[in-house]
N, C-alpha and C. Protein backbone atom coordinates (compact mmCIF):
# COMPACT_ATOMS: atom_id res chain seq x y z
N MET A 1 74.49 98.15 153.24
CA MET A 1 73.30 98.11 154.01
C MET A 1 72.57 99.12 154.78
N ILE A 2 71.56 99.23 154.82
CA ILE A 2 70.82 100.41 155.48
C ILE A 2 69.91 100.11 156.61
N ALA A 3 69.87 100.72 157.55
CA ALA A 3 68.99 100.40 158.63
C ALA A 3 68.05 101.53 158.89
N ARG A 4 66.61 101.23 159.29
CA ARG A 4 65.64 102.01 159.44
C ARG A 4 65.44 102.23 161.13
N ILE A 5 65.60 103.12 161.98
CA ILE A 5 65.32 103.49 163.08
C ILE A 5 64.08 104.19 163.65
N THR A 6 62.98 103.69 164.41
CA THR A 6 61.87 104.31 165.01
C THR A 6 61.90 104.32 166.42
N HIS A 7 61.40 105.14 167.10
CA HIS A 7 61.21 104.83 168.60
C HIS A 7 59.60 105.22 168.87
N TYR A 8 59.30 104.26 169.70
CA TYR A 8 57.75 103.95 170.19
C TYR A 8 57.71 104.30 171.65
N ARG A 9 56.42 104.80 172.19
CA ARG A 9 55.95 104.88 173.31
C ARG A 9 54.61 104.00 173.28
N ILE A 10 54.63 103.03 173.73
CA ILE A 10 53.22 102.18 173.77
C ILE A 10 52.43 102.44 174.72
N ARG A 11 51.25 102.37 174.36
CA ARG A 11 50.16 102.93 175.35
C ARG A 11 49.89 101.82 176.34
N GLU A 12 49.63 102.50 177.77
CA GLU A 12 49.47 101.55 178.74
C GLU A 12 48.64 100.49 178.44
N GLY A 13 48.78 99.21 178.78
CA GLY A 13 48.00 98.14 178.51
C GLY A 13 48.17 97.48 177.17
N LYS A 14 48.78 97.99 176.33
CA LYS A 14 49.03 97.52 174.94
C LYS A 14 50.11 96.65 174.64
N LEU A 15 50.75 96.66 175.72
CA LEU A 15 52.23 95.86 175.34
C LEU A 15 52.23 94.41 174.62
N ASP A 16 51.24 93.74 174.95
CA ASP A 16 51.02 92.48 174.47
C ASP A 16 50.65 92.51 173.01
N GLU A 17 49.42 93.45 172.69
CA GLU A 17 48.69 93.62 171.58
C GLU A 17 49.97 94.45 170.50
N PHE A 18 50.59 95.26 170.99
CA PHE A 18 52.06 95.60 170.32
C PHE A 18 52.97 94.51 169.66
N ALA A 19 53.27 93.70 170.69
CA ALA A 19 54.24 92.65 170.40
C ALA A 19 53.61 91.84 169.30
N SER A 20 52.21 91.38 169.58
CA SER A 20 51.44 90.56 168.56
C SER A 20 51.48 91.02 167.24
N THR A 21 51.17 92.29 167.12
CA THR A 21 50.84 92.89 165.95
C THR A 21 52.34 93.30 165.35
N VAL A 22 53.36 93.34 165.93
CA VAL A 22 54.76 93.30 165.22
C VAL A 22 55.20 92.17 165.05
N LYS A 23 54.68 90.96 165.34
CA LYS A 23 54.89 89.61 164.69
C LYS A 23 54.12 89.50 163.35
N ASN A 24 52.90 90.15 163.39
CA ASN A 24 52.16 90.48 161.96
C ASN A 24 53.15 91.10 160.87
N LEU A 25 53.61 92.01 161.33
CA LEU A 25 54.31 92.87 160.64
C LEU A 25 55.73 92.11 160.20
N THR A 26 56.35 91.29 160.95
CA THR A 26 57.46 90.81 160.34
C THR A 26 57.14 89.70 159.22
N ALA A 27 55.86 89.18 159.46
CA ALA A 27 55.53 88.02 158.39
C ALA A 27 55.39 89.27 156.96
N ALA A 28 54.78 90.31 157.08
CA ALA A 28 54.68 91.15 155.73
C ALA A 28 56.33 91.39 155.19
N MET A 29 57.10 91.79 156.46
CA MET A 29 58.36 92.13 155.88
C MET A 29 59.20 91.04 155.34
N ASP A 30 58.88 89.89 155.72
CA ASP A 30 59.79 88.72 155.16
C ASP A 30 59.44 88.68 153.52
N LYS A 31 58.15 89.31 153.06
CA LYS A 31 57.84 89.09 151.77
C LYS A 31 58.39 90.33 150.95
N LEU A 32 59.25 91.41 151.43
CA LEU A 32 59.78 92.74 150.83
C LEU A 32 60.82 92.54 150.35
N ALA A 33 61.22 92.80 148.94
CA ALA A 33 62.80 92.54 148.53
C ALA A 33 63.93 93.40 149.28
N GLY A 34 64.99 92.85 149.97
CA GLY A 34 65.81 93.25 150.42
C GLY A 34 65.91 93.51 151.93
N PHE A 35 64.75 92.96 152.46
CA PHE A 35 64.53 92.75 153.98
C PHE A 35 65.67 91.73 154.73
N ARG A 36 66.59 92.18 155.65
CA ARG A 36 67.25 91.22 156.27
C ARG A 36 67.01 90.97 157.97
N VAL A 37 66.41 91.93 158.41
CA VAL A 37 66.05 91.64 159.77
C VAL A 37 65.42 92.76 160.37
N LEU A 38 64.64 92.40 161.50
CA LEU A 38 64.04 93.47 162.30
C LEU A 38 64.37 93.12 163.78
N LEU A 39 64.66 94.01 164.52
CA LEU A 39 65.08 94.16 166.12
C LEU A 39 63.99 95.06 166.70
N ILE A 40 63.06 94.55 167.68
CA ILE A 40 62.60 95.59 168.43
C ILE A 40 62.95 95.46 169.84
N LEU A 41 63.31 96.70 170.33
CA LEU A 41 64.00 96.67 171.86
C LEU A 41 63.22 97.44 172.70
N ARG A 42 63.15 96.86 173.97
CA ARG A 42 62.04 97.50 174.98
C ARG A 42 63.17 98.26 175.96
N GLY A 43 62.71 99.37 176.46
CA GLY A 43 63.50 100.30 177.11
C GLY A 43 64.03 99.30 178.32
N GLU A 44 65.02 99.94 179.00
CA GLU A 44 66.00 99.17 180.14
C GLU A 44 65.18 99.34 181.25
N GLU A 45 64.32 100.14 181.76
CA GLU A 45 63.74 99.92 183.19
C GLU A 45 62.67 98.94 183.15
N SER A 46 62.33 98.06 184.13
CA SER A 46 61.18 97.08 183.94
C SER A 46 60.10 97.64 183.93
N GLY A 47 59.00 97.19 183.32
CA GLY A 47 57.99 97.84 182.72
C GLY A 47 58.01 98.84 181.77
N SER A 48 58.96 99.16 181.47
CA SER A 48 59.10 100.39 180.19
C SER A 48 58.18 100.29 179.28
N ARG A 49 57.29 101.27 178.55
CA ARG A 49 56.57 101.13 177.59
C ARG A 49 57.37 101.92 176.30
N ASP A 50 58.51 102.30 176.40
CA ASP A 50 59.38 102.75 175.18
C ASP A 50 59.99 101.46 174.57
N ALA A 51 60.03 101.72 173.11
CA ALA A 51 60.34 100.54 172.50
C ALA A 51 61.21 101.27 171.22
N MET A 52 62.17 100.56 170.77
CA MET A 52 62.87 101.10 169.45
C MET A 52 62.72 99.83 168.34
N ALA A 53 62.69 100.26 167.31
CA ALA A 53 62.62 99.37 166.20
C ALA A 53 63.62 99.58 165.28
N ILE A 54 64.45 98.50 165.14
CA ILE A 54 65.77 98.96 163.82
C ILE A 54 65.38 97.67 162.70
N SER A 55 65.16 98.04 161.50
CA SER A 55 65.15 97.00 160.22
C SER A 55 66.19 97.39 159.50
N VAL A 56 66.85 96.31 159.07
CA VAL A 56 67.89 96.34 158.01
C VAL A 56 67.61 95.80 156.74
N TRP A 57 67.91 96.69 155.93
CA TRP A 57 67.79 96.38 154.59
C TRP A 57 68.97 96.31 153.84
N GLU A 58 68.85 95.47 152.36
CA GLU A 58 69.99 95.18 151.67
C GLU A 58 70.73 96.59 151.12
N SER A 59 69.69 97.50 150.74
CA SER A 59 69.88 98.87 150.11
C SER A 59 68.77 99.77 150.62
N ALA A 60 69.22 100.97 150.08
CA ALA A 60 68.28 102.28 150.34
C ALA A 60 67.11 102.22 149.72
N LEU A 61 67.34 101.44 148.16
CA LEU A 61 66.36 101.66 147.03
C LEU A 61 65.20 100.38 147.69
N ASP A 62 65.56 99.42 148.37
CA ASP A 62 64.94 98.16 148.74
C ASP A 62 64.20 98.89 150.16
N LEU A 63 64.54 99.69 150.70
CA LEU A 63 63.89 100.57 152.00
C LEU A 63 62.91 101.23 151.52
N LYS A 64 63.10 102.35 150.37
CA LYS A 64 62.51 103.08 149.92
C LYS A 64 61.24 102.27 148.92
N ASN A 65 61.37 101.20 148.42
CA ASN A 65 60.61 100.43 147.57
C ASN A 65 59.49 99.80 148.67
N SER A 66 59.85 99.34 150.02
CA SER A 66 58.76 98.97 151.04
C SER A 66 57.93 99.81 151.40
N ASP A 67 58.23 101.29 151.16
CA ASP A 67 57.24 102.25 151.37
C ASP A 67 55.99 102.31 150.61
N ASN A 68 56.06 101.38 149.43
CA ASN A 68 54.89 101.31 148.67
C ASN A 68 53.97 100.20 148.77
N ASN A 69 54.53 99.26 149.78
CA ASN A 69 53.71 97.94 150.19
C ASN A 69 52.32 98.32 150.83
N GLU A 70 51.27 98.07 150.13
CA GLU A 70 50.22 98.42 151.20
C GLU A 70 49.83 97.36 152.35
N PHE A 71 50.13 96.19 152.12
CA PHE A 71 50.00 95.34 153.06
C PHE A 71 50.83 95.74 154.34
N TYR A 72 52.02 95.98 154.22
CA TYR A 72 53.19 96.47 155.21
C TYR A 72 52.39 97.55 155.89
N TYR A 73 51.86 98.48 155.19
CA TYR A 73 51.54 99.69 155.77
C TYR A 73 50.30 99.56 156.74
N ASP A 74 49.57 98.66 156.20
CA ASP A 74 48.24 98.32 156.67
C ASP A 74 48.65 97.65 158.31
N VAL A 75 49.53 97.03 158.13
CA VAL A 75 49.80 96.19 159.49
C VAL A 75 50.37 97.46 160.46
N LEU A 76 51.58 98.16 159.72
CA LEU A 76 52.27 99.31 160.61
C LEU A 76 51.08 100.30 161.18
N SER A 77 50.01 100.46 160.52
CA SER A 77 49.18 101.46 161.17
C SER A 77 48.59 100.64 162.37
N HIS A 78 48.35 99.40 162.20
CA HIS A 78 47.87 98.49 163.64
C HIS A 78 48.89 98.73 164.82
N VAL A 79 50.11 98.52 164.34
CA VAL A 79 51.42 98.72 165.29
C VAL A 79 51.34 100.08 165.90
N LEU A 80 51.05 101.20 165.12
CA LEU A 80 51.23 102.72 165.73
C LEU A 80 50.07 102.74 166.53
N SER A 81 48.65 102.24 166.07
CA SER A 81 47.56 102.32 167.38
C SER A 81 47.44 101.82 168.46
N CYS A 82 48.61 101.01 168.57
CA CYS A 82 49.16 100.83 170.14
C CYS A 82 50.16 101.83 170.73
N CYS A 83 50.19 102.83 170.12
CA CYS A 83 51.28 103.46 170.52
C CYS A 83 50.87 105.03 170.80
N GLU A 84 51.37 105.66 171.96
CA GLU A 84 50.97 106.98 172.34
C GLU A 84 51.63 108.14 171.35
N THR A 85 53.03 107.74 171.09
CA THR A 85 53.87 108.57 170.33
C THR A 85 54.75 107.72 169.56
N PHE A 86 55.36 108.19 168.52
CA PHE A 86 56.46 107.58 167.75
C PHE A 86 57.32 108.63 167.17
N SER A 87 58.59 108.15 166.91
CA SER A 87 59.34 109.22 166.45
C SER A 87 59.47 108.92 164.51
N PRO A 88 59.82 110.41 164.10
CA PRO A 88 60.07 109.99 162.74
C PRO A 88 61.02 108.86 162.35
N MET A 89 60.64 108.06 161.28
CA MET A 89 61.55 107.25 160.83
C MET A 89 62.96 107.94 160.26
N HIS A 90 63.99 107.33 160.59
CA HIS A 90 65.16 108.05 160.15
C HIS A 90 66.09 106.75 159.61
N GLN A 91 66.77 106.92 158.74
CA GLN A 91 67.80 105.88 158.11
C GLN A 91 69.22 106.06 158.35
N GLN A 92 69.94 105.29 158.82
CA GLN A 92 71.37 105.05 158.69
C GLN A 92 72.13 104.00 157.91
N GLU A 93 73.30 104.07 157.42
CA GLU A 93 74.26 103.12 156.80
C GLU A 93 74.76 102.34 157.97
N VAL A 94 74.60 100.97 157.62
CA VAL A 94 75.15 100.16 158.55
C VAL A 94 76.75 99.75 157.95
N LEU A 95 77.48 100.02 158.86
CA LEU A 95 78.89 100.08 158.49
C LEU A 95 79.60 98.63 158.64
N VAL A 96 78.94 97.88 159.81
CA VAL A 96 79.65 96.44 160.08
C VAL A 96 78.34 95.71 160.58
N SER A 97 78.13 94.45 160.16
CA SER A 97 77.03 93.74 160.69
C SER A 97 77.46 92.27 160.57
N LYS A 98 76.96 91.48 161.53
CA LYS A 98 77.30 89.94 161.42
C LYS A 98 76.08 89.38 162.12
N PHE A 99 75.26 88.54 161.27
CA PHE A 99 74.02 88.06 161.52
C PHE A 99 74.33 86.37 161.49
N ALA A 100 74.01 85.93 162.55
CA ALA A 100 74.14 84.22 162.58
C ALA A 100 73.81 83.57 161.68
N ASN A 101 74.25 82.49 161.30
CA ASN A 101 73.86 81.61 160.20
C ASN A 101 73.01 80.30 160.83
N PRO A 102 71.66 80.37 160.57
CA PRO A 102 70.94 79.33 161.21
C PRO A 102 71.65 77.83 161.06
N CYS A 103 71.62 77.10 162.20
CA CYS A 103 72.03 75.86 162.12
C CYS A 103 71.10 74.62 161.63
N GLY A 104 71.68 73.81 161.22
CA GLY A 104 70.59 72.54 160.66
C GLY A 104 69.95 72.90 159.57
């Protein structure tokens, strides 16, 4: 498995819009081959506008193929419009993972 990590600085007053838009992004990602999970983490300090996204993919090829999905990038452009800055996306190999199995 492979993970893509990106850091964001959310514009003042845009946190709710950012979160709402990310929910739309997850709907797009659910349709992509090899997509496993997306985590959006907010900075430790109360009121922080810093966030980090970690998406996990079955393979580097699945991650690369997601780069060609127009709907995904359309929604991602809306996410980025809520941000002052974002870091270049980089990827790392997932050495160990355990995701809970849904109950029921």
